[in-house]
Amino acid sequence: MFAFANKTSNFALSTTTPNIKALTGSFFCLYFLMATQDISVDGWALTMLSKPNRQFGPVCNSIGQNLGQAISYTGFIALNDHEVGGWIRDKLSLTGASLHGSGGLVSRSSFMRFSWLGFMVVTAAVTVFKKERSKSEEVRASERSEHISLTRSTVTLVQARGEERTAR
């Protein structure tokens, strides 16, 4: 993503006719790499989450994808817009912030570089602060937590109600 940040602007804006093949190839590579990362992270989550918490993996994935879409689409368009960029600059007193050629606070290439940096920081933080569980730790954890099945809990409840009636 970092390498493509400047190149996509050149492909699209450097000439009167954009280089569609190069732009398409660049974004194909980016989406391929992001899809590969998504699959890898889903598999990685299975090794890091305990069995009772694995059900929350898809929920976190869905929330993350929706948040990423909101930031990457709406956030970029807002920050790249001349009026919104000027309003943000004025409200936050960003006197040193210059508006780019498009008129916004960020250009496409700077937004892509920032997104790349975000990917790297989050991945590094997860790598450093979250450790994977070994198989033996997972087996011990599953032995400690006893899950009662629906049938077993129903039988226990019926037995308790029966004992309660006989005690009266």
C-alpha atoms as a PDB file:
ATOM      1  CA  MET A   1       0.000   0.000   0.000  1.00  0.00           C
ATOM      2  CA  PHE A   2       2.841   2.350   0.831  1.00  0.00           C
ATOM      3  CA  ALA A   3       4.508   1.657  -2.534  1.00  0.00           C
ATOM      4  CA  PHE A   4       1.276   2.213  -4.462  1.00  0.00           C
ATOM      5  CA  ALA A   5       0.389   5.465  -2.662  1.00  0.00           C
ATOM      6  CA  ASN A   6       2.243   7.755  -5.080  1.00  0.00           C
ATOM      7  CA  LYS A   7       1.895   5.522  -8.113  1.00  0.00           C
ATOM      8  CA  THR A   8      -1.922   5.501  -8.144  1.00  0.00           C
ATOM      9  CA  SER A   9      -1.999   9.295  -8.329  1.00  0.00           C
ATOM     10  CA  ASN A  10       0.494   9.184 -11.181  1.00  0.00           C
ATOM     11  CA  PHE A  11      -1.506   6.508 -13.015  1.00  0.00           C
ATOM     12  CA  ALA A  12      -4.734   8.445 -12.711  1.00  0.00           C
ATOM     13  CA  LEU A  13      -3.721  12.091 -12.872  1.00  0.00           C
ATOM     14  CA  SER A  14      -0.361  12.467 -14.624  1.00  0.00           C
ATOM     15  CA  THR A  15      -1.669  12.499 -18.167  1.00  0.00           C
ATOM     16  CA  THR A  16      -4.823  13.553 -19.920  1.00  0.00           C
ATOM     17  CA  THR A  17      -5.800   9.891 -20.285  1.00  0.00           C
ATOM     18  CA  PRO A  18      -5.374   7.798 -17.136  1.00  0.00           C
ATOM     19  CA  ASN A  19      -3.499   4.507 -17.372  1.00  0.00           C
ATOM     20  CA  ILE A  20      -6.451   2.248 -16.580  1.00  0.00           C
ATOM     21  CA  LYS A  21      -4.479  -1.009 -16.904  1.00  0.00           C
ATOM     22  CA  ALA A  22      -1.831   0.084 -14.406  1.00  0.00           C
ATOM     23  CA  LEU A  23      -4.455   1.473 -12.029  1.00  0.00           C
ATOM     24  CA  THR A  24      -6.510  -1.731 -12.264  1.00  0.00           C
ATOM     25  CA  GLY A  25      -3.414  -3.884 -11.718  1.00  0.00           C
ATOM     26  CA  SER A  26      -2.390  -1.823  -8.689  1.00  0.00           C
ATOM     27  CA  PHE A  27      -5.763  -2.090  -7.021  1.00  0.00           C
ATOM     28  CA  PHE A  28      -6.044  -5.787  -7.902  1.00  0.00           C
ATOM     29  CA  CYS A  29      -2.767  -6.394  -6.058  1.00  0.00           C
ATOM     30  CA  LEU A  30      -3.932  -4.326  -3.074  1.00  0.00           C
ATOM     31  CA  TYR A  31      -7.254  -6.152  -2.794  1.00  0.00           C
ATOM     32  CA  PHE A  32      -5.556  -9.528  -3.228  1.00  0.00           C
ATOM     33  CA  LEU A  33      -3.130  -8.756  -0.411  1.00  0.00           C
ATOM     34  CA  MET A  34      -5.909  -7.427   1.849  1.00  0.00           C
ATOM     35  CA  ALA A  35      -8.051 -10.517   1.219  1.00  0.00           C
ATOM     36  CA  THR A  36      -5.070 -12.733   2.030  1.00  0.00           C
ATOM     37  CA  GLN A  37      -4.486 -10.788   5.240  1.00  0.00           C
ATOM     38  CA  ASP A  38      -8.173 -11.120   6.167  1.00  0.00           C
ATOM     39  CA  ILE A  39      -8.055 -14.909   5.771  1.00  0.00           C
ATOM     40  CA  SER A  40      -4.819 -15.122   7.751  1.00  0.00           C
ATOM     41  CA  VAL A  41      -6.184 -13.006  10.593  1.00  0.00           C
ATOM     42  CA  ASP A  42      -9.358 -15.136  10.751  1.00  0.00           C
ATOM     43  CA  GLY A  43      -7.225 -18.266  11.105  1.00  0.00           C
ATOM     44  CA  TRP A  44      -4.971 -16.551  13.614  1.00  0.00           C
ATOM     45  CA  ALA A  45      -8.017 -15.587  15.711  1.00  0.00           C
ATOM     46  CA  LEU A  46      -8.912 -19.267  16.028  1.00  0.00           C
ATOM     47  CA  THR A  47      -5.555 -19.972  17.660  1.00  0.00           C
ATOM     48  CA  MET A  48      -5.715 -16.983  20.013  1.00  0.00           C
ATOM     49  CA  LEU A  49      -9.320 -17.029  21.219  1.00  0.00           C
ATOM     50  CA  SER A  50     -10.418 -19.491  23.855  1.00  0.00           C
ATOM     51  CA  LYS A  51     -13.187 -21.899  22.875  1.00  0.00           C
ATOM     52  CA  PRO A  52     -15.962 -20.001  24.684  1.00  0.00           C
ATOM     53  CA  ASN A  53     -14.851 -16.737  23.021  1.00  0.00           C
ATOM     54  CA  ARG A  54     -14.505 -18.064  19.472  1.00  0.00           C
ATOM     55  CA  GLN A  55     -18.123 -17.207  18.815  1.00  0.00           C
ATOM     56  CA  PHE A  56     -17.193 -13.518  19.037  1.00  0.00           C
ATOM     57  CA  GLY A  57     -14.585 -13.746  16.258  1.00  0.00           C
ATOM     58  CA  PRO A  58     -17.028 -13.200  13.369  1.00  0.00           C
ATOM     59  CA  VAL A  59     -18.721 -10.366  15.269  1.00  0.00           C
ATOM     60  CA  CYS A  60     -15.395  -8.576  15.732  1.00  0.00           C
ATOM     61  CA  ASN A  61     -14.564  -9.193  12.067  1.00  0.00           C
ATOM     62  CA  SER A  62     -17.880  -7.701  10.940  1.00  0.00           C
ATOM     63  CA  ILE A  63     -17.522  -4.651  13.185  1.00  0.00           C
ATOM     64  CA  GLY A  64     -13.961  -4.116  11.993  1.00  0.00           C
ATOM     65  CA  GLN A  65     -14.924  -4.338   8.321  1.00  0.00           C
ATOM     66  CA  ASN A  66     -17.803  -1.888   8.730  1.00  0.00           C
ATOM     67  CA  LEU A  67     -15.638   0.536  10.687  1.00  0.00           C
ATOM     68  CA  GLY A  68     -12.907   0.239   8.052  1.00  0.00           C
ATOM     69  CA  GLN A  69     -15.373   0.956   5.256  1.00  0.00           C
ATOM     70  CA  ALA A  70     -16.721   3.999   7.056  1.00  0.00           C
ATOM     71  CA  ILE A  71     -13.241   5.379   7.644  1.00  0.00           C
ATOM     72  CA  SER A  72     -11.867   4.570   4.205  1.00  0.00           C
ATOM     73  CA  TYR A  73     -14.819   5.774   2.143  1.00  0.00           C
ATOM     74  CA  THR A  74     -16.674   8.436   4.083  1.00  0.00           C
ATOM     75  CA  GLY A  75     -13.623   9.598   6.012  1.00  0.00           C
ATOM     76  CA  PHE A  76     -11.484  10.028   2.913  1.00  0.00           C
ATOM     77  CA  ILE A  77     -14.192  11.823   0.948  1.00  0.00           C
ATOM     78  CA  ALA A  78     -14.831  14.196   3.842  1.00  0.00           C
ATOM     79  CA  LEU A  79     -11.145  14.932   4.443  1.00  0.00           C
ATOM     80  CA  ASN A  80     -10.486  15.345   0.709  1.00  0.00           C
ATOM     81  CA  ASP A  81     -13.376  17.787   0.212  1.00  0.00           C
ATOM     82  CA  HIS A  82     -12.441  21.483   0.023  1.00  0.00           C
ATOM     83  CA  GLU A  83     -15.324  22.750   2.186  1.00  0.00           C
ATOM     84  CA  VAL A  84     -15.075  20.071   4.871  1.00  0.00           C
ATOM     85  CA  GLY A  85     -11.263  20.291   4.932  1.00  0.00           C
ATOM     86  CA  GLY A  86     -11.404  24.067   5.331  1.00  0.00           C
ATOM     87  CA  TRP A  87     -14.054  23.793   8.056  1.00  0.00           C
ATOM     88  CA  ILE A  88     -12.009  21.215  10.006  1.00  0.00           C
ATOM     89  CA  ARG A  89      -8.863  23.296   9.612  1.00  0.00           C
ATOM     90  CA  ASP A  90     -10.642  26.398  10.915  1.00  0.00           C
ATOM     91  CA  LYS A  91     -12.437  24.649  13.813  1.00  0.00           C
ATOM     92  CA  LEU A  92      -9.298  22.891  15.039  1.00  0.00           C
ATOM     93  CA  SER A  93      -7.124  25.969  14.449  1.00  0.00           C
ATOM     94  CA  LEU A  94      -4.754  24.026  12.218  1.00  0.00           C
ATOM     95  CA  THR A  95      -2.988  27.080  10.880  1.00  0.00           C
ATOM     96  CA  GLY A  96      -0.066  25.052   9.542  1.00  0.00           C
ATOM     97  CA  ALA A  97      -2.287  22.578   7.681  1.00  0.00           C
ATOM     98  CA  SER A  98      -2.317  23.383   4.023  1.00  0.00           C
ATOM     99  CA  LEU A  99      -5.060  22.311   1.700  1.00  0.00           C
ATOM    100  CA  HIS A 100      -3.899  20.037  -1.103  1.00  0.00           C
ATOM    101  CA  GLY A 101      -4.528  20.588  -4.795  1.00  0.00           C
ATOM    102  CA  SER A 102      -7.924  18.940  -4.407  1.00  0.00           C
ATOM    103  CA  GLY A 103      -8.701  21.442  -1.685  1.00  0.00           C
ATOM    104  CA  GLY A 104      -8.961  18.957   1.161  1.00  0.00           C
ATOM    105  CA  LEU A 105      -6.813  18.237   4.171  1.00  0.00           C
ATOM    106  CA  VAL A 106      -5.506  14.971   2.724  1.00  0.00           C
ATOM    107  CA  SER A 107      -4.650  13.728  -0.731  1.00  0.00           C
ATOM    108  CA  ARG A 108      -5.273  10.217  -1.960  1.00  0.00           C
ATOM    109  CA  SER A 109      -1.601   9.286  -1.612  1.00  0.00           C
ATOM    110  CA  SER A 110      -1.277  10.678   1.941  1.00  0.00           C
ATOM    111  CA  PHE A 111      -4.478   8.875   2.969  1.00  0.00           C
ATOM    112  CA  MET A 112      -3.129   5.594   1.554  1.00  0.00           C
ATOM    113  CA  ARG A 113       0.163   6.083   3.417  1.00  0.00           C
ATOM    114  CA  PHE A 114      -1.743   6.770   6.640  1.00  0.00           C
ATOM    115  CA  SER A 115      -3.874   3.636   6.092  1.00  0.00           C
ATOM    116  CA  TRP A 116      -0.721   1.581   5.527  1.00  0.00           C
ATOM    117  CA  LEU A 117       0.721   2.931   8.766  1.00  0.00           C
ATOM    118  CA  GLY A 118      -2.511   2.041  10.585  1.00  0.00           C
ATOM    119  CA  PHE A 119      -2.365  -1.540   9.259  1.00  0.00           C
ATOM    120  CA  MET A 120       1.227  -1.901  10.400  1.00  0.00           C
ATOM    121  CA  VAL A 121       0.684  -0.411  13.885  1.00  0.00           C
ATOM    122  CA  VAL A 122      -2.369  -2.571  14.626  1.00  0.00           C
ATOM    123  CA  THR A 123      -0.683  -5.732  13.335  1.00  0.00           C
ATOM    124  CA  ALA A 124       2.454  -5.009  15.379  1.00  0.00           C
ATOM    125  CA  ALA A 125       0.391  -4.306  18.515  1.00  0.00           C
ATOM    126  CA  VAL A 126      -1.509  -7.582  18.188  1.00  0.00           C
ATOM    127  CA  THR A 127       1.731  -9.454  17.559  1.00  0.00           C
ATOM    128  CA  VAL A 128       3.445  -7.980  20.612  1.00  0.00           C
ATOM    129  CA  PHE A 129       0.624  -7.892  23.141  1.00  0.00           C
ATOM    130  CA  LYS A 130      -1.439 -10.995  22.314  1.00  0.00           C
ATOM    131  CA  LYS A 131       0.174 -14.408  22.558  1.00  0.00           C
ATOM    132  CA  GLU A 132      -1.103 -17.575  20.954  1.00  0.00           C
ATOM    133  CA  ARG A 133      -2.162 -20.471  23.156  1.00  0.00           C
ATOM    134  CA  SER A 134      -0.402 -23.777  22.878  1.00  0.00           C
ATOM    135  CA  LYS A 135      -2.484 -26.933  22.419  1.00  0.00           C
ATOM    136  CA  SER A 136      -1.759 -28.114  25.975  1.00  0.00           C
ATOM    137  CA  GLU A 137      -2.970 -24.789  27.440  1.00  0.00           C
ATOM    138  CA  GLU A 138      -6.135 -24.999  25.370  1.00  0.00           C
ATOM    139  CA  VAL A 139      -6.844 -28.561  26.509  1.00  0.00           C
ATOM    140  CA  ARG A 140      -6.315 -27.595  30.159  1.00  0.00           C
ATOM    141  CA  ALA A 141      -8.610 -24.589  29.800  1.00  0.00           C
ATOM    142  CA  SER A 142     -11.368 -26.663  28.228  1.00  0.00           C
ATOM    143  CA  GLU A 143     -11.077 -29.265  31.012  1.00  0.00           C
ATOM    144  CA  ARG A 144     -11.451 -26.546  33.662  1.00  0.00           C
ATOM    145  CA  SER A 145     -14.595 -25.053  32.207  1.00  0.00           C
ATOM    146  CA  GLU A 146     -17.414 -27.568  32.222  1.00  0.00           C
ATOM    147  CA  HIS A 147     -20.177 -26.817  29.759  1.00  0.00           C
ATOM    148  CA  ILE A 148     -23.595 -28.118  30.683  1.00  0.00           C
ATOM    149  CA  SER A 149     -25.649 -29.284  27.746  1.00  0.00           C
ATOM    150  CA  LEU A 150     -29.263 -28.242  27.298  1.00  0.00           C
ATOM    151  CA  THR A 151     -30.483 -31.789  27.946  1.00  0.00           C
ATOM    152  CA  ARG A 152     -28.443 -32.120  31.132  1.00  0.00           C
ATOM    153  CA  SER A 153     -29.600 -28.762  32.490  1.00  0.00           C
ATOM    154  CA  THR A 154     -33.249 -29.613  31.731  1.00  0.00           C
ATOM    155  CA  VAL A 155     -32.956 -32.981  33.518  1.00  0.00           C
ATOM    156  CA  THR A 156     -31.327 -31.286  36.518  1.00  0.00           C
ATOM    157  CA  LEU A 157     -34.091 -28.678  36.637  1.00  0.00           C
ATOM    158  CA  VAL A 158     -36.841 -31.318  36.443  1.00  0.00           C
ATOM    159  CA  GLN A 159     -35.185 -33.363  39.203  1.00  0.00           C
ATOM    160  CA  ALA A 160     -34.913 -30.296  41.434  1.00  0.00           C
ATOM    161  CA  ARG A 161     -38.585 -29.448  40.883  1.00  0.00           C
ATOM    162  CA  GLY A 162     -39.529 -33.064  41.683  1.00  0.00           C
ATOM    163  CA  GLU A 163     -37.529 -33.008  44.908  1.00  0.00           C
ATOM    164  CA  GLU A 164     -39.134 -29.691  45.801  1.00  0.00           C
ATOM    165  CA  ARG A 165     -42.659 -31.143  45.365  1.00  0.00           C
ATOM    166  CA  THR A 166     -41.890 -34.258  47.403  1.00  0.00           C
ATOM    167  CA  ALA A 167     -40.448 -32.118  50.205  1.00  0.00           C
ATOM    168  CA  ARG A 168     -43.786 -30.283  50.598  1.00  0.00           C
END
